[in-house]
Amino acid sequence: MSSLDYQAIRAYQRGIKWLIIATLFTGVSLAGIALYYKLQKPGSKPVAAGLQKVELGTIENKISEGGTVELGGQRTIKSPEESAVDQVFVKVGDPIIAGQNLILLRSTAGENSLLKTQLEIQKQELDIERNRQKVEEAKIKLKIAEINYKNDLEKYQQQVKSQQIAQKIKIQQSQAKLEREQEKLIEAQEDIATLEVELSKSNLLFERGFIAEQELDQQKAAIRLKQVSLRDQKLGLKNAIFELETAKNEVLKTENSPTNNILNAEIDLQQAQSELQKSLSDFERFKVGYKEQESNLKNNLVTSPLEGVVLNINVKQGDGIKRGDDLITIGDPNQELVQLKLSTLNAAQVKPNQSARITIIGPNSKPFQGRVERVNLQATSESTNNSQSGSSSGQVTVPATVKLDQPTRVLIPGSQVSVEIILEQQKDVIAVNTELIQSEEKSSFVWKLDPNNQAQKQPITLGLKGLTQVEVKSGLKVGDTLIIPPADIPIKPGMLIIEEEKDKNLDSET
């Protein structure tokens, strides 16, 4: 190879080398230019946005209401009559048992009435003694009439005819009296039957707590008085029958006949015995009344109808009180209830046995668990006066009761609490915040971050909707990353997303 050929080959190699270098430089330059223009496009700029991982949660549809705390069986015992407070046996906060003495009332009118009845009983005892003497006198008179019978027989026979007409009239009168006594007896029996029916109804009302025991005792006393009256009517009927039979026997006899004298003596004896029986009946009636009045005085001792605790005492020793005045409030601390007044809209959604959360109104309050125990089937209206217009309007609400699962021992009866009633609940489901849900026509979607940190539109199917979160039935899985759309930049598919930095000050506060 000549030197000329060698130089030509060297020159050719250098040319090829520079051509390759120029080609690479041109390619790099073009790639840089392309990258520059790509970064200059709006869609290719990274957008800072909040990110959120998909997790399982609990979705609830609930309503919130305010309620008033009370204890199980809580009630305010009222005064049964006008009286004075003689003694108070308990104080606020004391535990009590059923039947325990709480307050002793003193009724001056009742004591005076009892004393008056005692005097009537003593008077009846004297009447009984006098009527017994009359019976003995009538028996002696009857014996004398029987002795004089033979001596007066002839005189009697002469007077028979003249007395027949008079005796017929007397018979008619006796018959009329007998019929009236029979009617009285029937009326008394009907009255007793009616009272017994009313007593049976009252027994049912008493068992349900609609009427007081005192009212039931009054009805029983009325029946006993009617039964005493019935015995009097039966005795009156017996006397009327006896009088009628006597009148019939006197048709052939005169008042001056020996037989008539005997009959008169017998009548006197029967009348004396009747008066004695009436005195005995009145005596029994007064004794029954005495026992009732004594029982009423005993009712002035107010006792506890349940086992619980004293919540409030409205009276003190020496106070004068009227019938129906509040005396003492008691309740069972082993049961805690919350009384609600639901709006008609909310009441239509609330059902017994729904779960509820009860929270004391205030910061950092721990919720207590309970359940809806009762929802009234009838709404009530509460009148509210308008001081400016002078008119009044009624707010219609539906009473309901929530019972706590366990007594808290911290809720104060009469205090206001917040109650959340859980209408629907889904546990361990994919829960997404409502602000992440986007709508497009009739479908819903979220912005999901793909492995290349790009935004993608992810269609989803929604389930139960809560106040702040929604159940996602399909379209997402646990661990997916969702994009929180920024307020100033609309997200588009394929947009590059970087996680925005959280405020450190905010993190330190939280």
Protein backbone atom coordinates (compact mmCIF):
# COMPACT_ATOMS: atom_id res chain seq x y z
CA MET A 1 0.00 0.00 0.00
CA SER A 2 1.29 3.33 -1.01
CA SER A 3 1.43 6.31 1.29
CA LEU A 4 -1.28 8.00 -0.76
CA ASP A 5 -3.71 5.18 -0.23
CA TYR A 6 -2.99 5.09 3.46
CA GLN A 7 -3.74 8.79 3.82
CA ALA A 8 -7.00 8.36 1.91
CA ILE A 9 -8.12 5.58 4.22
CA ARG A 10 -7.28 7.64 7.30
CA ALA A 11 -9.21 10.59 5.96
CA TYR A 12 -12.22 8.38 5.25
CA GLN A 13 -12.18 6.97 8.81
CA ARG A 14 -11.98 10.45 10.33
CA GLY A 15 -14.93 11.54 8.22
CA ILE A 16 -17.03 8.58 9.32
CA LYS A 17 -16.16 9.29 12.97
CA TRP A 18 -17.20 12.92 12.74
CA LEU A 19 -20.38 11.98 10.92
CA ILE A 20 -21.37 9.62 13.73
CA ILE A 21 -20.59 12.27 16.36
CA ALA A 22 -22.64 14.85 14.48
CA THR A 23 -25.53 12.42 14.12
CA LEU A 24 -25.52 11.65 17.88
CA PHE A 25 -25.33 15.33 18.75
CA THR A 26 -28.22 16.10 16.45
CA GLY A 27 -30.32 13.26 17.98
CA VAL A 28 -29.65 14.45 21.51
CA SER A 29 -30.49 18.00 20.55
CA LEU A 30 -33.76 16.94 18.95
CA ALA A 31 -34.68 14.81 21.99
CA GLY A 32 -33.98 17.75 24.30
CA ILE A 33 -36.07 20.04 22.17
CA ALA A 34 -38.93 17.49 22.14
CA LEU A 35 -38.74 17.09 25.92
CA TYR A 36 -38.72 20.84 26.35
CA TYR A 37 -41.84 21.26 24.23
CA LYS A 38 -43.54 18.38 26.03
CA LEU A 39 -42.87 19.92 29.43
CA GLN A 40 -44.19 23.22 28.16
CA LYS A 41 -47.69 21.65 27.49
CA PRO A 42 -50.27 22.22 30.29
CA GLY A 43 -51.29 18.58 30.51
CA SER A 44 -47.78 17.39 31.16
CA LYS A 45 -47.09 19.59 34.17
CA PRO A 46 -47.21 17.66 37.52
CA VAL A 47 -50.16 18.76 39.63
CA ALA A 48 -49.96 18.76 43.42
CA ALA A 49 -53.03 17.14 45.04
CA GLY A 50 -53.97 15.36 48.21
CA LEU A 51 -53.94 11.57 48.15
CA GLN A 52 -56.01 9.15 50.16
CA LYS A 53 -55.74 5.37 50.56
CA VAL A 54 -58.87 3.26 50.17
CA GLU A 55 -59.73 1.58 53.49
CA LEU A 56 -62.56 -0.36 55.06
CA GLY A 57 -64.92 1.55 57.30
CA THR A 58 -68.42 1.82 58.70
CA ILE A 59 -71.15 3.77 56.91
CA GLU A 60 -74.15 4.99 58.89
CA ASN A 61 -77.41 6.67 58.03
CA LYS A 62 -78.48 8.36 61.24
CA ILE A 63 -80.54 11.16 62.71
CA SER A 64 -79.63 13.37 65.65
CA GLU A 65 -82.05 14.56 68.31
CA GLY A 66 -81.89 16.15 71.75
CA GLY A 67 -83.37 14.29 74.71
CA THR A 68 -83.90 14.43 78.46
CA VAL A 69 -82.41 11.84 80.83
CA GLU A 70 -84.60 10.06 83.36
CA LEU A 71 -84.32 6.89 85.43
CA GLY A 72 -86.37 3.73 85.01
CA GLY A 73 -89.76 4.00 86.69
CA GLN A 74 -89.06 7.64 87.47
CA ARG A 75 -92.10 9.33 88.93
CA THR A 76 -93.13 12.23 91.11
CA ILE A 77 -95.48 11.18 93.92
CA LYS A 78 -98.24 13.70 94.57
CA SER A 79 -100.28 14.53 97.65
CA PRO A 80 -103.50 12.43 97.85
CA GLU A 81 -105.37 15.22 99.67
CA GLU A 82 -105.03 18.55 101.39
CA SER A 83 -102.87 17.98 104.45
CA ALA A 84 -99.63 18.95 106.17
CA VAL A 85 -96.18 17.35 106.12
CA ASP A 86 -95.68 15.71 109.50
CA GLN A 87 -92.32 14.03 108.85
CA VAL A 88 -89.86 13.35 106.00
CA PHE A 89 -87.97 10.07 106.47
CA VAL A 90 -85.43 10.31 103.59
CA LYS A 91 -83.14 12.82 101.91
CA VAL A 92 -82.03 13.38 98.33
CA GLY A 93 -79.69 10.64 97.11
CA ASP A 94 -80.83 8.02 99.62
CA PRO A 95 -81.29 4.47 98.25
CA ILE A 96 -84.80 3.15 98.89
CA ILE A 97 -86.62 -0.18 98.65
CA ALA A 98 -90.19 -0.96 97.66
CA GLY A 99 -92.59 -0.26 100.52
CA GLN A 100 -90.17 1.97 102.43
CA ASN A 101 -91.70 4.93 104.31
CA LEU A 102 -90.89 8.23 102.61
CA ILE A 103 -93.16 10.98 103.98
CA LEU A 104 -95.82 11.10 106.68
CA LEU A 105 -98.75 13.45 106.03
CA ARG A 106 -101.20 14.68 108.66
CA SER A 107 -104.85 15.32 107.75
CA THR A 108 -106.84 17.26 110.41
CA ALA A 109 -110.08 16.85 108.47
CA GLY A 110 -109.55 13.09 108.28
CA GLU A 111 -108.85 12.83 112.00
CA ASN A 112 -112.00 14.86 112.81
CA SER A 113 -114.06 12.67 110.52
CA LEU A 114 -112.67 9.57 112.21
CA LEU A 115 -113.59 10.97 115.64
CA LYS A 116 -117.11 11.77 114.42
CA THR A 117 -117.53 8.22 113.16
CA GLN A 118 -116.40 6.90 116.54
CA LEU A 119 -119.17 8.94 118.22
CA GLU A 120 -121.72 7.58 115.74
CA ILE A 121 -120.62 4.05 116.57
CA GLN A 122 -121.13 4.73 120.28
CA LYS A 123 -124.58 6.17 119.54
CA GLN A 124 -125.50 3.08 117.55
CA GLU A 125 -124.43 0.87 120.44
CA LEU A 126 -126.92 2.73 122.66
CA ASP A 127 -129.66 2.35 120.03
CA ILE A 128 -128.99 -1.37 119.84
CA GLU A 129 -129.40 -1.68 123.60
CA ARG A 130 -132.71 0.25 123.55
CA ASN A 131 -134.06 -1.83 120.67
CA ARG A 132 -133.17 -5.00 122.51
CA GLN A 133 -135.27 -3.77 125.44
CA LYS A 134 -138.13 -3.09 123.03
CA VAL A 135 -137.90 -6.64 121.76
CA GLU A 136 -138.18 -7.97 125.31
CA GLU A 137 -141.19 -5.74 125.97
CA ALA A 138 -142.85 -6.93 122.75
CA LYS A 139 -142.34 -10.55 123.80
CA ILE A 140 -144.08 -9.85 127.16
CA LYS A 141 -146.93 -8.13 125.33
CA LEU A 142 -147.35 -11.14 123.07
CA LYS A 143 -147.58 -13.48 126.07
CA ILE A 144 -150.32 -11.28 127.65
CA ALA A 145 -152.27 -11.28 124.38
CA GLU A 146 -152.14 -15.07 124.24
CA ILE A 147 -153.50 -15.30 127.85
CA ASN A 148 -156.45 -12.92 127.09
CA TYR A 149 -157.38 -14.66 123.85
CA LYS A 150 -160.19 -16.92 125.19
CA ASN A 151 -161.93 -14.12 127.14
CA ASP A 152 -162.18 -11.81 124.09
CA LEU A 153 -163.19 -14.44 121.49
CA GLU A 154 -167.01 -13.73 121.52
CA LYS A 155 -166.54 -9.99 121.14
CA TYR A 156 -164.33 -10.64 118.19
CA GLN A 157 -166.97 -12.67 116.34
CA GLN A 158 -169.43 -9.76 116.49
CA GLN A 159 -166.99 -7.33 114.97
CA VAL A 160 -165.77 -9.52 112.10
CA LYS A 161 -168.28 -8.36 109.48
CA SER A 162 -167.85 -4.64 110.14
CA GLN A 163 -164.10 -4.84 109.71
CA GLN A 164 -163.95 -6.80 106.46
CA ILE A 165 -164.02 -3.76 104.17
CA ALA A 166 -161.33 -2.00 106.15
CA GLN A 167 -159.13 -5.07 106.04
CA LYS A 168 -159.42 -5.35 102.26
CA ILE A 169 -158.11 -1.81 101.89
CA LYS A 170 -155.25 -2.63 104.22
CA ILE A 171 -154.40 -5.69 102.14
CA GLN A 172 -154.22 -3.57 99.00
CA GLN A 173 -151.92 -1.13 100.74
CA SER A 174 -149.71 -3.95 101.95
CA GLN A 175 -149.58 -5.41 98.45
CA ALA A 176 -148.53 -2.04 97.04
CA LYS A 177 -145.86 -1.71 99.70
CA LEU A 178 -144.66 -5.25 98.92
CA GLU A 179 -144.36 -4.44 95.21
CA ARG A 180 -142.42 -1.29 96.00
CA GLU A 181 -140.08 -3.18 98.33
CA GLN A 182 -139.52 -5.75 95.56
CA GLU A 183 -138.70 -2.95 93.12
CA LYS A 184 -136.26 -1.44 95.63
CA LEU A 185 -134.60 -4.83 96.07
CA ILE A 186 -134.20 -5.26 92.30
CA GLU A 187 -132.81 -1.73 92.00
CA ALA A 188 -130.29 -2.38 94.77
CA GLN A 189 -129.19 -5.64 93.11
CA GLU A 190 -128.76 -3.86 89.77
CA ASP A 191 -126.75 -1.08 91.44
CA ILE A 192 -124.42 -3.67 92.99
CA ALA A 193 -123.98 -5.44 89.65
CA THR A 194 -123.15 -2.14 87.95
CA LEU A 195 -120.63 -1.21 90.65
CA GLU A 196 -119.00 -4.65 90.42
CA VAL A 197 -118.57 -4.20 86.64
CA GLU A 198 -117.02 -0.77 87.22
CA LEU A 199 -114.76 -2.26 89.93
CA SER A 200 -113.58 -4.93 87.48
CA LYS A 201 -112.70 -2.23 84.94
CA SER A 202 -110.97 -0.17 87.60
CA ASN A 203 -108.91 -3.22 88.65
CA LEU A 204 -107.57 -3.43 85.10
CA LEU A 205 -106.83 0.31 85.04
CA PHE A 206 -105.13 0.04 88.43
CA GLU A 207 -102.91 -2.84 87.25
CA ARG A 208 -101.82 -0.66 84.33
CA GLY A 209 -101.17 2.29 86.61
CA PHE A 210 -103.92 4.58 85.19
CA ILE A 211 -105.76 5.12 88.51
CA ALA A 212 -104.70 5.34 92.14
CA GLU A 213 -105.30 2.65 94.74
CA GLN A 214 -107.37 5.15 96.75
CA GLU A 215 -109.92 5.41 93.92
CA LEU A 216 -110.13 1.62 93.77
CA ASP A 217 -110.72 1.46 97.54
CA GLN A 218 -113.51 4.03 97.23
CA GLN A 219 -115.30 1.84 94.68
CA LYS A 220 -114.95 -1.19 96.95
CA ALA A 221 -116.40 0.83 99.83
CA ALA A 222 -119.32 1.88 97.64
CA ILE A 223 -120.08 -1.79 96.89
CA ARG A 224 -119.97 -2.66 100.59
CA LEU A 225 -122.39 0.16 101.40
CA LYS A 226 -124.72 -1.01 98.64
CA GLN A 227 -124.53 -4.55 100.03
CA VAL A 228 -125.54 -3.23 103.46
CA SER A 229 -128.39 -1.36 101.78
CA LEU A 230 -129.37 -4.57 99.99
CA ARG A 231 -129.67 -6.37 103.30
CA ASP A 232 -131.90 -3.56 104.54
CA GLN A 233 -134.07 -3.89 101.43
CA LYS A 234 -134.36 -7.63 101.95
CA LEU A 235 -135.43 -7.01 105.54
CA GLY A 236 -137.93 -4.41 104.33
CA LEU A 237 -139.27 -6.91 101.81
CA LYS A 238 -139.60 -9.52 104.53
CA ASN A 239 -141.52 -7.03 106.68
CA ALA A 240 -143.78 -6.14 103.77
CA ILE A 241 -144.50 -9.82 103.15
CA PHE A 242 -145.21 -10.25 106.82
CA GLU A 243 -147.51 -7.21 106.83
CA LEU A 244 -149.38 -8.53 103.80
CA GLU A 245 -149.78 -11.95 105.34
CA THR A 246 -150.94 -10.28 108.55
CA ALA A 247 -153.47 -8.21 106.64
CA LYS A 248 -154.79 -11.32 104.88
CA ASN A 249 -155.15 -13.09 108.19
CA GLU A 250 -157.05 -10.12 109.53
CA VAL A 251 -159.72 -10.30 106.82
CA LEU A 252 -161.85 -12.48 109.09
CA LYS A 253 -160.69 -10.80 112.28
CA THR A 254 -160.93 -7.39 113.81
CA GLU A 255 -158.31 -5.31 115.50
CA ASN A 256 -160.03 -6.00 118.83
CA SER A 257 -160.12 -9.77 118.40
CA PRO A 258 -157.95 -11.92 120.56
CA THR A 259 -156.22 -13.18 117.45
CA ASN A 260 -155.71 -9.63 116.28
CA ASN A 261 -154.26 -8.71 119.61
CA ILE A 262 -151.88 -11.60 119.28
CA LEU A 263 -151.04 -10.54 115.74
CA ASN A 264 -150.51 -6.96 116.89
CA ALA A 265 -148.22 -8.21 119.57
CA GLU A 266 -146.40 -10.28 116.97
CA ILE A 267 -146.16 -7.25 114.69
CA ASP A 268 -144.83 -5.19 117.52
CA LEU A 269 -142.32 -7.89 118.18
CA GLN A 270 -141.36 -8.06 114.51
CA GLN A 271 -141.09 -4.29 114.33
CA ALA A 272 -138.90 -4.22 117.41
CA GLN A 273 -136.77 -6.98 115.95
CA SER A 274 -136.63 -5.04 112.63
CA GLU A 275 -135.48 -1.89 114.39
CA LEU A 276 -132.91 -3.93 116.27
CA GLN A 277 -131.69 -5.41 112.97
CA LYS A 278 -131.54 -1.94 111.40
CA SER A 279 -129.52 -0.68 114.36
CA LEU A 280 -127.16 -3.62 113.94
CA SER A 281 -126.86 -2.89 110.18
CA ASP A 282 -126.17 0.80 110.84
CA PHE A 283 -123.61 -0.25 113.43
CA GLU A 284 -121.85 -2.46 110.84
CA ARG A 285 -122.03 0.34 108.25
CA PHE A 286 -120.39 2.80 110.62
CA LYS A 287 -117.71 0.26 111.45
CA VAL A 288 -116.98 -0.19 107.72
CA GLY A 289 -116.80 3.60 107.31
CA TYR A 290 -114.50 3.80 110.32
CA LYS A 291 -112.13 1.23 108.81
CA GLU A 292 -112.12 3.10 105.50
CA GLN A 293 -111.35 6.41 107.17
CA GLU A 294 -108.67 4.72 109.25
CA SER A 295 -107.24 3.26 106.03
CA ASN A 296 -107.28 6.71 104.42
CA LEU A 297 -105.32 8.06 107.33
CA LYS A 298 -102.82 5.25 106.85
CA ASN A 299 -102.63 6.23 103.17
CA ASN A 300 -101.23 9.53 104.39
CA LEU A 301 -98.04 7.56 104.95
CA VAL A 302 -96.33 7.86 101.54
CA THR A 303 -94.31 4.72 100.71
CA SER A 304 -92.01 3.87 97.81
CA PRO A 305 -93.57 1.83 94.99
CA LEU A 306 -90.16 0.70 93.71
CA GLU A 307 -86.53 0.04 94.58
CA GLY A 308 -84.37 2.96 93.57
CA VAL A 309 -83.06 6.30 94.78
CA VAL A 310 -84.51 9.65 95.93
CA LEU A 311 -83.98 12.26 93.20
CA ASN A 312 -85.76 15.27 94.66
CA ILE A 313 -87.87 16.24 97.67
CA ASN A 314 -90.33 19.10 97.09
CA VAL A 315 -91.58 19.57 100.67
CA LYS A 316 -90.23 19.87 104.19
CA GLN A 317 -91.64 19.17 107.63
CA GLY A 318 -94.48 21.53 108.56
CA ASP A 319 -95.41 22.50 104.99
CA GLY A 320 -99.09 22.78 104.18
CA ILE A 321 -99.91 21.10 100.88
CA LYS A 322 -102.88 20.83 98.56
CA ARG A 323 -104.28 17.79 96.80
CA GLY A 324 -102.06 16.99 93.79
CA ASP A 325 -98.98 18.92 94.99
CA ASP A 326 -95.61 17.31 94.18
CA LEU A 327 -94.07 15.56 97.20
CA ILE A 328 -91.04 13.53 96.12
CA THR A 329 -89.39 12.25 92.93
CA ILE A 330 -87.87 8.75 92.81
CA GLY A 331 -86.39 6.48 90.15
CA ASP A 332 -84.46 3.25 89.53
CA PRO A 333 -80.75 4.00 88.79
CA ASN A 334 -80.32 0.50 87.33
CA GLN A 335 -82.27 1.69 84.30
CA GLU A 336 -81.44 4.90 82.44
CA LEU A 337 -83.75 6.27 79.78
CA VAL A 338 -83.73 9.22 77.42
CA GLN A 339 -87.05 10.79 76.51
CA LEU A 340 -87.13 12.24 72.98
CA LYS A 341 -89.54 14.48 71.11
CA LEU A 342 -89.03 13.54 67.47
CA SER A 343 -90.13 15.60 64.53
CA THR A 344 -92.80 13.86 62.48
CA LEU A 345 -90.30 13.47 59.62
CA ASN A 346 -87.73 11.70 61.82
CA ALA A 347 -90.37 9.70 63.72
CA ALA A 348 -91.44 8.02 60.48
CA GLN A 349 -87.92 6.52 60.18
CA VAL A 350 -87.43 5.45 63.81
CA LYS A 351 -88.37 1.92 64.88
CA PRO A 352 -88.07 0.05 68.21
CA ASN A 353 -84.76 -1.78 68.81
CA GLN A 354 -82.71 0.51 66.56
CA SER A 355 -79.23 1.21 67.91
CA ALA A 356 -78.54 4.62 69.43
CA ARG A 357 -75.59 6.60 70.79
CA ILE A 358 -76.11 8.95 73.72
CA THR A 359 -73.62 11.76 74.34
CA ILE A 360 -73.41 14.38 77.06
CA ILE A 361 -73.54 17.83 75.47
CA GLY A 362 -70.01 19.23 75.73
CA PRO A 363 -66.43 18.72 74.48
CA ASN A 364 -64.70 15.33 74.50
CA SER A 365 -67.85 13.48 75.57
CA LYS A 366 -67.77 9.70 75.49
CA PRO A 367 -70.81 8.17 73.75
CA PHE A 368 -72.94 5.56 75.53
CA GLN A 369 -74.78 2.79 73.70
CA GLY A 370 -78.53 2.24 73.83
CA ARG A 371 -81.54 1.16 71.84
CA VAL A 372 -84.90 2.64 70.90
CA GLU A 373 -87.39 1.14 73.34
CA ARG A 374 -90.64 2.82 72.30
CA VAL A 375 -92.02 5.22 69.69
CA ASN A 376 -95.48 6.66 70.31
CA LEU A 377 -98.07 6.03 67.63
CA GLN A 378 -99.62 9.46 68.20
CA ALA A 379 -98.08 12.90 67.89
CA THR A 380 -98.58 15.59 70.53
CA SER A 381 -98.79 19.35 70.14
CA GLU A 382 -96.94 21.79 72.36
CA SER A 383 -98.20 25.36 72.44
CA THR A 384 -95.62 28.13 72.13
CA ASN A 385 -96.72 31.72 72.81
CA ASN A 386 -95.58 34.55 70.55
CA SER A 387 -95.02 37.54 72.86
CA GLN A 388 -94.97 40.03 69.98
CA SER A 389 -98.13 39.01 68.15
CA GLY A 390 -99.90 37.55 71.17
CA SER A 391 -100.72 34.40 69.22
CA SER A 392 -99.77 30.80 69.99
CA SER A 393 -98.65 28.01 67.68
CA GLY A 394 -98.37 24.32 68.33
CA GLN A 395 -95.21 22.36 67.54
CA VAL A 396 -96.14 18.78 66.71
CA THR A 397 -93.71 16.13 67.98
CA VAL A 398 -93.73 12.37 68.54
CA PRO A 399 -92.58 11.11 71.99
CA ALA A 400 -90.03 8.27 71.95
CA THR A 401 -87.88 6.51 74.55
CA VAL A 402 -84.26 5.30 74.26
CA LYS A 403 -82.98 2.85 76.88
CA LEU A 404 -79.26 2.63 77.61
CA ASP A 405 -77.74 -0.85 77.39
CA GLN A 406 -75.97 -0.38 80.72
CA PRO A 407 -76.52 2.23 83.45
CA THR A 408 -73.78 4.87 83.20
CA ARG A 409 -74.11 6.24 86.77
CA VAL A 410 -72.93 9.58 85.32
CA LEU A 411 -75.96 10.86 83.42
CA ILE A 412 -77.97 13.27 85.56
CA PRO A 413 -81.78 12.83 85.46
CA GLY A 414 -83.38 15.91 83.92
CA SER A 415 -80.23 16.89 81.96
CA GLN A 416 -80.15 17.33 78.19
CA VAL A 417 -78.15 14.90 76.02
CA SER A 418 -77.53 14.41 72.32
CA VAL A 419 -78.88 11.19 70.79
CA GLU A 420 -77.87 9.66 67.45
CA ILE A 421 -80.29 6.99 66.21
CA ILE A 422 -78.72 4.60 63.68
CA LEU A 423 -81.27 4.02 60.92
CA GLU A 424 -78.95 1.92 58.69
CA GLN A 425 -75.38 0.67 59.11
CA GLN A 426 -72.84 -1.16 56.96
CA LYS A 427 -69.64 -2.40 58.64
CA ASP A 428 -66.29 -3.37 57.04
CA VAL A 429 -67.12 -1.90 53.63
CA ILE A 430 -65.08 0.34 51.34
CA ALA A 431 -65.79 3.84 52.61
CA VAL A 432 -64.95 6.95 50.62
CA ASN A 433 -65.36 10.57 51.66
CA THR A 434 -68.24 12.27 49.88
CA GLU A 435 -66.03 15.09 48.51
CA LEU A 436 -64.11 12.53 46.39
CA ILE A 437 -67.23 11.36 44.56
CA GLN A 438 -67.66 12.89 41.10
CA SER A 439 -70.83 12.71 39.02
CA GLU A 440 -71.17 12.37 35.29
CA GLU A 441 -74.70 12.17 33.96
CA LYS A 442 -76.28 9.30 35.97
CA SER A 443 -73.01 7.56 36.91
CA SER A 444 -70.37 8.23 39.55
CA PHE A 445 -66.56 8.02 39.46
CA VAL A 446 -63.44 8.92 41.42
CA TRP A 447 -59.97 10.01 40.33
CA LYS A 448 -57.57 7.13 40.92
CA LEU A 449 -53.76 7.28 40.88
CA ASP A 450 -52.23 4.62 38.58
CA PRO A 451 -48.73 3.06 38.99
CA ASN A 452 -47.28 5.82 36.73
CA ASN A 453 -48.60 8.50 39.11
CA GLN A 454 -51.12 9.57 36.52
CA ALA A 455 -54.76 10.38 37.15
CA GLN A 456 -57.34 7.93 35.80
CA LYS A 457 -61.12 8.15 35.90
CA GLN A 458 -62.45 5.14 37.87
CA PRO A 459 -66.22 4.38 37.57
CA ILE A 460 -67.78 3.15 40.84
CA THR A 461 -71.11 1.82 42.14
CA LEU A 462 -72.41 3.51 45.28
CA GLY A 463 -74.21 1.88 48.22
CA LEU A 464 -75.32 3.31 51.56
CA LYS A 465 -74.80 7.06 51.87
CA GLY A 466 -73.80 8.56 55.19
CA LEU A 467 -73.31 12.15 56.27
CA THR A 468 -69.57 12.35 55.38
CA GLN A 469 -68.81 9.00 53.70
CA VAL A 470 -70.36 6.75 51.06
CA GLU A 471 -70.18 2.98 50.61
CA VAL A 472 -68.54 1.90 47.33
CA LYS A 473 -69.92 -1.47 46.25
CA SER A 474 -67.69 -1.96 43.18
CA GLY A 475 -64.88 -0.24 41.29
CA LEU A 476 -62.36 0.04 44.14
CA LYS A 477 -60.34 -2.22 46.38
CA VAL A 478 -58.52 -1.74 49.64
CA GLY A 479 -55.11 -0.10 49.08
CA ASP A 480 -56.07 1.91 45.99
CA THR A 481 -54.92 5.53 46.05
CA LEU A 482 -57.50 8.19 45.35
CA ILE A 483 -56.85 11.78 44.34
CA ILE A 484 -58.45 14.63 46.25
CA PRO A 485 -59.32 17.06 43.47
CA PRO A 486 -57.71 20.47 44.05
CA ALA A 487 -60.04 23.44 44.06
CA ASP A 488 -58.13 25.51 41.45
CA ILE A 489 -57.05 22.96 38.81
CA PRO A 490 -59.44 20.52 37.09
CA ILE A 491 -58.07 16.98 36.82
CA LYS A 492 -57.88 15.28 33.42
CA PRO A 493 -57.11 11.66 32.55
CA GLY A 494 -53.36 11.04 32.23
CA MET A 495 -52.43 14.11 34.25
CA LEU A 496 -49.23 13.64 36.25
CA ILE A 497 -49.96 13.89 40.00
CA ILE A 498 -47.57 14.54 42.86
CA GLU A 499 -48.65 14.48 46.50
CA GLU A 500 -48.98 17.94 47.97
CA GLU A 501 -47.01 18.64 51.11
CA LYS A 502 -49.01 18.76 54.30
CA ASP A 503 -48.86 21.80 56.51
CA LYS A 504 -46.39 20.93 59.28
CA ASN A 505 -48.02 23.39 61.64
CA LEU A 506 -51.37 21.72 60.98
CA ASP A 507 -49.84 18.30 61.62
CA SER A 508 -48.38 19.48 64.89
CA GLU A 509 -51.77 20.85 65.98
CA THR A 510 -53.59 17.63 65.11
